[in-house]
N, C-alpha and C. Protein backbone atom coordinates (compact mmCIF):
# COMPACT_ATOMS: atom_id res chain seq x y z
N UNK A 1 0.71 -0.95 0.15
CA UNK A 1 0.47 -0.12 -0.01
C UNK A 1 0.59 1.19 0.34
N UNK A 2 0.46 2.10 -0.86
CA UNK A 2 1.25 3.46 -1.43
C UNK A 2 1.17 4.17 -0.11
N UNK A 3 1.35 5.70 -0.05
CA UNK A 3 1.57 6.60 0.98
C UNK A 3 0.19 7.28 0.92
N UNK A 4 -0.60 7.59 2.50
CA UNK A 4 -1.82 8.21 2.41
C UNK A 4 -1.59 9.66 2.32
N UNK A 5 -2.15 10.86 1.43
CA UNK A 5 -1.89 12.25 1.68
C UNK A 5 -3.08 12.65 3.36
N UNK A 6 -2.68 13.65 3.79
CA UNK A 6 -3.02 13.72 4.85
C UNK A 6 -4.68 13.94 4.74
N UNK A 7 -4.56 15.02 3.59
CA UNK A 7 -6.08 15.21 3.35
C UNK A 7 -6.96 14.37 2.72
N UNK A 8 -6.49 12.62 2.46
CA UNK A 8 -7.05 11.57 1.78
C UNK A 8 -7.85 11.01 3.27
N UNK A 9 -6.80 11.28 4.41
CA UNK A 9 -6.57 10.76 5.60
C UNK A 9 -7.62 11.12 6.21
N UNK A 10 -8.01 12.51 6.42
CA UNK A 10 -8.81 13.16 6.90
C UNK A 10 -10.43 12.46 6.29
N UNK A 11 -10.66 12.70 5.20
CA UNK A 11 -11.67 12.83 4.44
C UNK A 11 -12.16 11.25 4.37
N UNK A 12 -11.09 10.16 4.58
CA UNK A 12 -11.78 8.71 5.35
C UNK A 12 -11.94 8.68 6.54
N UNK A 13 -11.48 9.31 7.76
CA UNK A 13 -12.11 9.16 8.71
C UNK A 13 -13.36 9.87 9.53
N UNK A 14 -13.25 10.81 8.55
CA UNK A 14 -14.43 11.32 8.48
C UNK A 14 -16.06 10.70 7.94
N UNK A 15 -15.30 9.89 7.14
CA UNK A 15 -16.47 8.92 6.99
C UNK A 15 -16.95 8.07 7.39
N UNK A 16 -15.69 7.42 8.09
CA UNK A 16 -16.09 5.96 8.91
C UNK A 16 -16.54 6.56 10.40
N UNK A 17 -16.37 8.25 10.98
CA UNK A 17 -17.31 8.40 11.59
C UNK A 17 -18.74 9.35 11.48
N UNK A 18 -18.52 9.70 10.35
CA UNK A 18 -20.20 9.62 10.03
C UNK A 18 -21.22 8.99 9.68
N UNK A 19 -20.07 7.46 9.35
CA UNK A 19 -20.97 6.34 9.02
C UNK A 19 -21.03 5.37 10.88
N UNK A 20 -20.30 6.00 11.75
CA UNK A 20 -20.24 5.44 12.97
C UNK A 20 -19.59 4.12 13.40
N UNK A 21 -18.70 3.83 12.63
CA UNK A 21 -17.20 3.33 12.68
C UNK A 21 -16.43 3.48 13.15
N UNK A 22 -16.34 4.51 13.91
CA UNK A 22 -14.86 5.18 14.17
C UNK A 22 -16.14 6.45 15.37
N UNK A 23 -14.59 6.69 16.45
CA UNK A 23 -15.20 7.53 17.42
C UNK A 23 -14.07 8.58 16.99
N UNK A 24 -14.35 9.82 17.30
CA UNK A 24 -12.92 11.21 17.44
C UNK A 24 -13.33 11.22 18.95
N UNK A 25 -11.89 11.33 19.35
CA UNK A 25 -11.89 12.01 20.47
C UNK A 25 -10.54 13.52 20.46
N UNK A 26 -11.09 14.76 20.81
CA UNK A 26 -10.16 15.71 20.73
C UNK A 26 -9.71 16.01 22.18
N UNK A 27 -8.74 16.12 22.17
CA UNK A 27 -7.93 16.90 23.53
C UNK A 27 -7.16 18.31 23.42
N UNK A 28 -7.72 18.61 24.69
CA UNK A 28 -7.38 19.89 24.76
C UNK A 28 -6.08 20.47 25.04
N UNK A 29 -4.64 20.48 24.25
CA UNK A 29 -3.94 20.62 24.99
C UNK A 29 -2.84 20.73 23.40
N UNK A 30 -1.78 21.25 24.00
CA UNK A 30 -0.81 21.46 23.18
C UNK A 30 0.65 21.19 22.69
N UNK A 31 0.51 20.41 21.42
CA UNK A 31 -0.29 20.75 20.42
C UNK A 31 -1.45 19.90 20.68
N UNK A 32 -2.93 20.07 19.93
CA UNK A 32 -4.28 19.32 19.76
C UNK A 32 -3.43 17.83 19.75
N UNK A 33 -4.22 16.95 20.54
CA UNK A 33 -4.07 15.43 20.22
C UNK A 33 -5.38 14.91 20.06
N UNK A 34 -6.04 14.16 18.84
CA UNK A 34 -7.11 13.60 18.53
C UNK A 34 -6.80 12.12 18.45
N UNK A 35 -7.60 11.66 18.84
CA UNK A 35 -7.63 9.99 18.88
C UNK A 35 -8.89 9.32 18.32
N UNK A 36 -8.63 8.40 17.61
CA UNK A 36 -9.74 7.78 16.97
C UNK A 36 -9.86 6.27 17.75
N UNK A 37 -11.33 5.65 17.69
CA UNK A 37 -11.57 4.33 18.19
C UNK A 37 -12.34 3.73 17.25
N UNK A 38 -12.03 2.64 17.06
CA UNK A 38 -13.16 1.72 16.60
C UNK A 38 -14.66 1.63 17.22
N UNK A 39 -15.76 1.59 17.27
CA UNK A 39 -17.15 1.49 17.96
C UNK A 39 -17.58 0.96 18.22
N UNK A 40 -18.79 0.05 18.31
CA UNK A 40 -19.08 -0.85 18.71
C UNK A 40 -19.54 -1.75 17.37
N UNK A 41 -20.26 -0.87 16.80
CA UNK A 41 -20.25 -1.02 15.01
C UNK A 41 -19.21 -1.77 14.18
N UNK A 42 -18.17 -0.56 14.50
CA UNK A 42 -16.94 -0.74 13.85
C UNK A 42 -15.69 -1.91 14.17
N UNK A 43 -16.03 -2.26 15.15
CA UNK A 43 -15.93 -3.68 15.88
C UNK A 43 -16.81 -4.47 15.09
N UNK A 44 -17.95 -4.37 14.89
CA UNK A 44 -18.50 -5.68 14.31
C UNK A 44 -18.10 -6.20 12.52
N UNK A 45 -17.41 -5.17 11.81
CA UNK A 45 -16.71 -5.28 10.73
C UNK A 45 -15.42 -6.14 10.63
N UNK A 46 -14.84 -6.07 12.31
CA UNK A 46 -13.18 -7.02 12.11
C UNK A 46 -13.43 -8.29 11.62
N UNK A 47 -14.22 -9.01 12.12
CA UNK A 47 -14.15 -11.00 11.15
C UNK A 47 -15.00 -10.71 10.24
N UNK A 48 -15.29 -9.94 9.68
CA UNK A 48 -15.52 -9.68 7.56
C UNK A 48 -14.52 -9.24 7.08
N UNK A 49 -13.56 -8.44 7.55
CA UNK A 49 -12.55 -8.41 7.04
C UNK A 49 -11.70 -9.07 6.96
N UNK A 50 -11.47 -9.78 7.88
CA UNK A 50 -10.55 -11.04 8.40
C UNK A 50 -10.41 -11.80 7.05
N UNK A 51 -11.83 -12.23 7.23
CA UNK A 51 -11.96 -13.26 6.36
C UNK A 51 -11.93 -12.85 4.80
N UNK A 52 -11.75 -11.38 4.37
CA UNK A 52 -11.26 -10.88 3.42
C UNK A 52 -10.20 -11.01 2.85
N UNK A 53 -9.25 -10.35 4.21
CA UNK A 53 -7.96 -10.31 4.02
C UNK A 53 -7.09 -11.64 4.02
N UNK A 54 -7.77 -13.05 4.71
CA UNK A 54 -6.96 -14.39 4.46
C UNK A 54 -7.35 -14.79 2.87
N UNK A 55 -8.56 -14.34 2.13
CA UNK A 55 -9.28 -14.50 0.90
C UNK A 55 -8.16 -14.60 -0.04
N UNK A 56 -7.66 -12.85 -0.03
CA UNK A 56 -6.73 -12.22 -0.43
C UNK A 56 -6.06 -12.74 -0.71
N UNK A 57 -5.14 -12.90 0.50
CA UNK A 57 -3.95 -13.34 0.32
C UNK A 57 -3.25 -14.78 -0.27
N UNK A 58 -4.31 -15.54 -0.14
CA UNK A 58 -4.92 -16.67 -0.40
C UNK A 58 -4.65 -16.32 -2.17
N UNK A 59 -5.24 -15.59 -3.11
CA UNK A 59 -5.67 -15.74 -4.18
C UNK A 59 -4.71 -15.00 -4.65
N UNK A 60 -3.67 -13.96 -4.47
CA UNK A 60 -3.42 -12.87 -4.76
C UNK A 60 -2.35 -13.68 -6.30
N UNK A 61 -2.14 -14.81 -6.10
CA UNK A 61 -1.11 -14.96 -7.37
C UNK A 61 -2.50 -15.16 -8.45
N UNK A 62 -3.67 -15.71 -8.00
CA UNK A 62 -4.59 -15.96 -9.36
C UNK A 62 -5.18 -14.51 -9.94
N UNK A 63 -4.96 -13.35 -9.40
CA UNK A 63 -5.12 -11.89 -9.78
C UNK A 63 -4.47 -11.59 -10.17
N UNK A 64 -3.24 -11.55 -9.70
CA UNK A 64 -1.82 -11.80 -10.71
C UNK A 64 -1.61 -11.41 -12.13
N UNK A 65 -2.08 -12.86 -11.95
CA UNK A 65 -1.97 -14.44 -12.75
C UNK A 65 -3.13 -13.34 -13.95
N UNK A 66 -3.95 -13.17 -13.78
CA UNK A 66 -5.27 -12.79 -14.73
C UNK A 66 -4.78 -11.55 -14.90
N UNK A 67 -4.05 -10.49 -14.06
CA UNK A 67 -3.94 -9.01 -14.72
C UNK A 67 -3.35 -9.13 -15.96
N UNK A 68 -2.22 -9.93 -15.65
CA UNK A 68 -1.20 -10.02 -17.08
C UNK A 68 -1.55 -10.60 -18.26
N UNK A 69 -2.50 -11.89 -18.00
CA UNK A 69 -3.21 -11.92 -19.26
C UNK A 69 -3.73 -11.31 -19.87
N UNK A 70 -4.65 -9.86 -19.08
CA UNK A 70 -5.80 -9.38 -19.43
C UNK A 70 -4.47 -8.15 -19.95
N UNK A 71 -4.04 -7.98 -19.73
CA UNK A 71 -2.28 -6.84 -20.03
C UNK A 71 -1.97 -7.44 -20.76
N UNK A 72 -2.14 -8.57 -21.72
CA UNK A 72 -0.88 -8.92 -22.32
C UNK A 72 -2.09 -9.02 -23.90
N UNK A 73 -3.43 -8.50 -23.64
CA UNK A 73 -4.10 -8.82 -25.28
C UNK A 73 -4.39 -7.21 -24.96
N UNK A 74 -4.12 -6.31 -24.28
CA UNK A 74 -4.07 -4.53 -24.58
C UNK A 74 -2.79 -4.59 -25.70
């Protein structure tokens, strides 16, 4: 995975907060500290994401081979 720009990270975290998946806590200190944590709803997606991760790791060679076949035809 490549680098994520601060703008993309901020937008992603805002969307996750809006969806109820993360909770944002701001601490009034210098410099300001902001923490994010998963909500109960957010923790509920951990198991399905783990299943997807395992599937991806198992099938990445097939996906890469399919990409190579596709690109060779272009």
